[in-house]
Amino acid sequence: MTTIQITLPDQLVLEAQNAGLLNASCLEQWLREQLRKQHIDELFSAMDSMNAIDEPNTLSPEEMAKEITAMRAKRRTGTVN
């Protein structure tokens, strides 16, 4: 276990003590909940970023075969590495 020391306004400490919120189990539960919320926020932020990316056009199998044939022809002529 780790012991931490924090500085809070006196009035806030009194109110939190009176409400029974300054014990280890309450603080642990609150911190875990905040971490869970932060992870969820990060997940949704990542999903938003992914949705904002433009996806390339999908090629049909025929179009793909045509592109492959063209690339192979370019390689044979030495115009592509």
N, C-alpha and C. Protein backbone atom coordinates (compact mmCIF):
# COMPACT_ATOMS: atom_id res chain seq x y z
N MET A 1 0.83 -1.18 0.00
CA MET A 1 0.00 0.00 0.00
C MET A 1 0.88 1.25 0.00
N THR A 2 0.36 2.28 -0.61
CA THR A 2 1.05 3.56 -0.67
C THR A 2 0.25 4.59 0.10
N THR A 3 0.95 5.46 0.81
CA THR A 3 0.31 6.55 1.52
C THR A 3 0.55 7.82 0.73
N ILE A 4 -0.51 8.60 0.54
CA ILE A 4 -0.37 9.87 -0.17
C ILE A 4 -0.84 11.01 0.73
N GLN A 5 -0.34 12.18 0.45
CA GLN A 5 -0.75 13.37 1.19
C GLN A 5 -1.21 14.39 0.17
N ILE A 6 -2.40 14.95 0.39
CA ILE A 6 -2.92 15.97 -0.51
C ILE A 6 -3.32 17.20 0.30
N THR A 7 -3.33 18.33 -0.38
CA THR A 7 -3.72 19.58 0.26
C THR A 7 -5.07 19.99 -0.31
N LEU A 8 -6.04 20.18 0.60
CA LEU A 8 -7.39 20.57 0.20
C LEU A 8 -7.85 21.74 1.06
N PRO A 9 -8.80 22.51 0.56
CA PRO A 9 -9.35 23.59 1.39
C PRO A 9 -10.01 23.02 2.66
N ASP A 10 -9.84 23.71 3.76
CA ASP A 10 -10.35 23.24 5.06
C ASP A 10 -11.85 22.93 5.00
N GLN A 11 -12.62 23.83 4.41
CA GLN A 11 -14.07 23.65 4.36
C GLN A 11 -14.43 22.37 3.60
N LEU A 12 -13.73 22.12 2.52
CA LEU A 12 -14.00 20.90 1.74
C LEU A 12 -13.68 19.66 2.56
N VAL A 13 -12.59 19.69 3.29
CA VAL A 13 -12.21 18.56 4.14
C VAL A 13 -13.27 18.31 5.20
N LEU A 14 -13.74 19.37 5.85
CA LEU A 14 -14.78 19.22 6.88
C LEU A 14 -16.05 18.61 6.31
N GLU A 15 -16.47 19.11 5.15
CA GLU A 15 -17.68 18.58 4.52
C GLU A 15 -17.50 17.12 4.11
N ALA A 16 -16.34 16.81 3.56
CA ALA A 16 -16.08 15.43 3.13
C ALA A 16 -16.00 14.50 4.34
N GLN A 17 -15.37 14.94 5.41
CA GLN A 17 -15.31 14.13 6.63
C GLN A 17 -16.70 13.88 7.19
N ASN A 18 -17.51 14.94 7.26
CA ASN A 18 -18.88 14.82 7.79
C ASN A 18 -19.72 13.88 6.93
N ALA A 19 -19.43 13.83 5.64
CA ALA A 19 -20.18 12.95 4.74
C ALA A 19 -19.59 11.54 4.71
N GLY A 20 -18.49 11.31 5.43
CA GLY A 20 -17.88 9.99 5.47
C GLY A 20 -17.12 9.62 4.21
N LEU A 21 -16.64 10.63 3.49
CA LEU A 21 -15.99 10.38 2.21
C LEU A 21 -14.47 10.29 2.28
N LEU A 22 -13.88 10.60 3.42
CA LEU A 22 -12.42 10.61 3.49
C LEU A 22 -11.84 9.35 4.12
N ASN A 23 -12.42 8.22 3.81
CA ASN A 23 -11.83 6.96 4.27
C ASN A 23 -11.26 6.24 3.05
N ALA A 24 -10.36 5.33 3.29
CA ALA A 24 -9.63 4.66 2.21
C ALA A 24 -10.55 3.96 1.20
N SER A 25 -11.58 3.29 1.69
CA SER A 25 -12.45 2.55 0.77
C SER A 25 -13.25 3.49 -0.13
N CYS A 26 -13.73 4.59 0.42
CA CYS A 26 -14.48 5.56 -0.41
C CYS A 26 -13.57 6.21 -1.44
N LEU A 27 -12.38 6.61 -1.01
CA LEU A 27 -11.45 7.24 -1.95
C LEU A 27 -11.01 6.26 -3.03
N GLU A 28 -10.77 5.01 -2.66
CA GLU A 28 -10.39 3.99 -3.66
C GLU A 28 -11.51 3.79 -4.67
N GLN A 29 -12.73 3.68 -4.19
CA GLN A 29 -13.88 3.50 -5.08
C GLN A 29 -14.02 4.69 -6.03
N TRP A 30 -13.87 5.91 -5.50
CA TRP A 30 -13.98 7.11 -6.32
C TRP A 30 -12.89 7.16 -7.38
N LEU A 31 -11.64 6.85 -6.98
CA LEU A 31 -10.54 6.86 -7.95
C LEU A 31 -10.74 5.82 -9.04
N ARG A 32 -11.18 4.63 -8.67
CA ARG A 32 -11.43 3.58 -9.68
C ARG A 32 -12.52 4.01 -10.66
N GLU A 33 -13.56 4.63 -10.15
CA GLU A 33 -14.65 5.11 -11.01
C GLU A 33 -14.15 6.20 -11.96
N GLN A 34 -13.33 7.10 -11.45
CA GLN A 34 -12.78 8.16 -12.31
C GLN A 34 -11.88 7.58 -13.39
N LEU A 35 -11.08 6.59 -13.04
CA LEU A 35 -10.22 5.93 -14.04
C LEU A 35 -11.06 5.23 -15.10
N ARG A 36 -12.13 4.56 -14.67
CA ARG A 36 -13.01 3.87 -15.61
C ARG A 36 -13.63 4.89 -16.58
N LYS A 37 -14.11 6.00 -16.05
CA LYS A 37 -14.69 7.04 -16.90
C LYS A 37 -13.66 7.60 -17.88
N GLN A 38 -12.44 7.79 -17.41
CA GLN A 38 -11.38 8.32 -18.27
C GLN A 38 -11.08 7.33 -19.40
N HIS A 39 -11.02 6.05 -19.08
CA HIS A 39 -10.76 5.03 -20.11
C HIS A 39 -11.89 4.99 -21.14
N ILE A 40 -13.11 5.14 -20.67
CA ILE A 40 -14.25 5.16 -21.60
C ILE A 40 -14.17 6.39 -22.49
N ASP A 41 -13.85 7.54 -21.91
CA ASP A 41 -13.69 8.77 -22.71
C ASP A 41 -12.60 8.61 -23.76
N GLU A 42 -11.48 7.98 -23.37
CA GLU A 42 -10.38 7.76 -24.32
C GLU A 42 -10.81 6.82 -25.44
N LEU A 43 -11.60 5.79 -25.09
CA LEU A 43 -12.10 4.86 -26.10
C LEU A 43 -12.98 5.57 -27.11
N PHE A 44 -13.92 6.38 -26.62
CA PHE A 44 -14.81 7.10 -27.53
C PHE A 44 -14.05 8.12 -28.36
N SER A 45 -13.03 8.73 -27.78
CA SER A 45 -12.21 9.67 -28.53
C SER A 45 -11.47 8.95 -29.66
N ALA A 46 -10.94 7.78 -29.37
CA ALA A 46 -10.26 6.99 -30.41
C ALA A 46 -11.24 6.57 -31.49
N MET A 47 -12.45 6.19 -31.10
CA MET A 47 -13.47 5.79 -32.08
C MET A 47 -13.84 6.98 -32.97
N ASP A 48 -13.97 8.17 -32.38
CA ASP A 48 -14.27 9.37 -33.17
C ASP A 48 -13.16 9.65 -34.16
N SER A 49 -11.92 9.50 -33.72
CA SER A 49 -10.78 9.71 -34.62
C SER A 49 -10.79 8.72 -35.77
N MET A 50 -11.10 7.48 -35.46
CA MET A 50 -11.16 6.45 -36.50
C MET A 50 -12.28 6.73 -37.49
N ASN A 51 -13.41 7.19 -37.00
CA ASN A 51 -14.54 7.50 -37.89
C ASN A 51 -14.25 8.70 -38.78
N ALA A 52 -13.36 9.58 -38.34
CA ALA A 52 -13.05 10.78 -39.11
C ALA A 52 -12.11 10.50 -40.28
N ILE A 53 -11.48 9.33 -40.27
CA ILE A 53 -10.54 8.99 -41.34
C ILE A 53 -11.32 8.55 -42.58
N ASP A 54 -10.95 9.16 -43.71
CA ASP A 54 -11.57 8.77 -44.97
C ASP A 54 -11.01 7.42 -45.40
N GLU A 55 -11.91 6.50 -45.66
CA GLU A 55 -11.48 5.19 -46.13
C GLU A 55 -11.24 5.24 -47.63
N PRO A 56 -10.24 4.52 -48.09
CA PRO A 56 -10.01 4.49 -49.54
C PRO A 56 -11.16 3.77 -50.24
N ASN A 57 -11.33 4.10 -51.50
CA ASN A 57 -12.36 3.43 -52.28
C ASN A 57 -12.07 1.94 -52.37
N THR A 58 -13.11 1.16 -52.33
CA THR A 58 -12.95 -0.28 -52.44
C THR A 58 -12.95 -0.66 -53.91
N LEU A 59 -11.98 -1.49 -54.28
CA LEU A 59 -11.90 -1.94 -55.66
C LEU A 59 -12.62 -3.27 -55.82
N SER A 60 -13.27 -3.42 -56.95
CA SER A 60 -13.88 -4.71 -57.25
C SER A 60 -12.76 -5.69 -57.60
N PRO A 61 -13.03 -6.99 -57.58
CA PRO A 61 -11.99 -7.96 -57.96
C PRO A 61 -11.44 -7.69 -59.37
N GLU A 62 -12.30 -7.26 -60.28
CA GLU A 62 -11.85 -6.97 -61.64
C GLU A 62 -10.91 -5.77 -61.66
N GLU A 63 -11.27 -4.72 -60.89
CA GLU A 63 -10.43 -3.53 -60.82
C GLU A 63 -9.08 -3.86 -60.16
N MET A 64 -9.12 -4.70 -59.15
CA MET A 64 -7.89 -5.11 -58.47
C MET A 64 -6.99 -5.88 -59.43
N ALA A 65 -7.56 -6.80 -60.20
CA ALA A 65 -6.78 -7.57 -61.17
C ALA A 65 -6.15 -6.64 -62.21
N LYS A 66 -6.90 -5.63 -62.62
CA LYS A 66 -6.41 -4.67 -63.60
C LYS A 66 -5.23 -3.87 -63.02
N GLU A 67 -5.33 -3.45 -61.78
CA GLU A 67 -4.26 -2.71 -61.12
C GLU A 67 -3.01 -3.57 -60.96
N ILE A 68 -3.20 -4.84 -60.61
CA ILE A 68 -2.07 -5.75 -60.45
C ILE A 68 -1.37 -5.96 -61.80
N THR A 69 -2.16 -6.14 -62.83
CA THR A 69 -1.59 -6.32 -64.17
C THR A 69 -0.79 -5.07 -64.58
N ALA A 70 -1.33 -3.90 -64.31
CA ALA A 70 -0.64 -2.66 -64.65
C ALA A 70 0.65 -2.52 -63.86
N MET A 71 0.63 -2.86 -62.57
CA MET A 71 1.82 -2.77 -61.73
C MET A 71 2.89 -3.74 -62.22
N ARG A 72 2.49 -4.94 -62.56
CA ARG A 72 3.46 -5.93 -63.07
C ARG A 72 4.08 -5.45 -64.37
N ALA A 73 3.28 -4.83 -65.24
CA ALA A 73 3.80 -4.32 -66.51
C ALA A 73 4.82 -3.21 -66.24
N LYS A 74 4.54 -2.35 -65.28
CA LYS A 74 5.48 -1.28 -64.94
C LYS A 74 6.78 -1.85 -64.39
N ARG A 75 6.68 -2.88 -63.58
CA ARG A 75 7.88 -3.51 -63.02
C ARG A 75 8.74 -4.15 -64.13
N ARG A 76 8.07 -4.75 -65.10
CA ARG A 76 8.82 -5.37 -66.20
C ARG A 76 9.58 -4.32 -67.01
N THR A 77 9.00 -3.14 -67.15
CA THR A 77 9.66 -2.08 -67.92
C THR A 77 10.65 -1.30 -67.07
N GLY A 78 10.65 -1.57 -65.76
CA GLY A 78 11.61 -0.91 -64.87
C GLY A 78 11.19 0.48 -64.42
N THR A 79 9.93 0.86 -64.58
CA THR A 79 9.50 2.18 -64.16
C THR A 79 9.06 2.22 -62.69
N VAL A 80 8.94 1.04 -62.08
CA VAL A 80 8.58 0.96 -60.66
C VAL A 80 9.55 0.02 -59.98
N ASN A 81 10.00 0.39 -58.77
CA ASN A 81 10.95 -0.48 -58.03
C ASN A 81 10.29 -1.74 -57.57
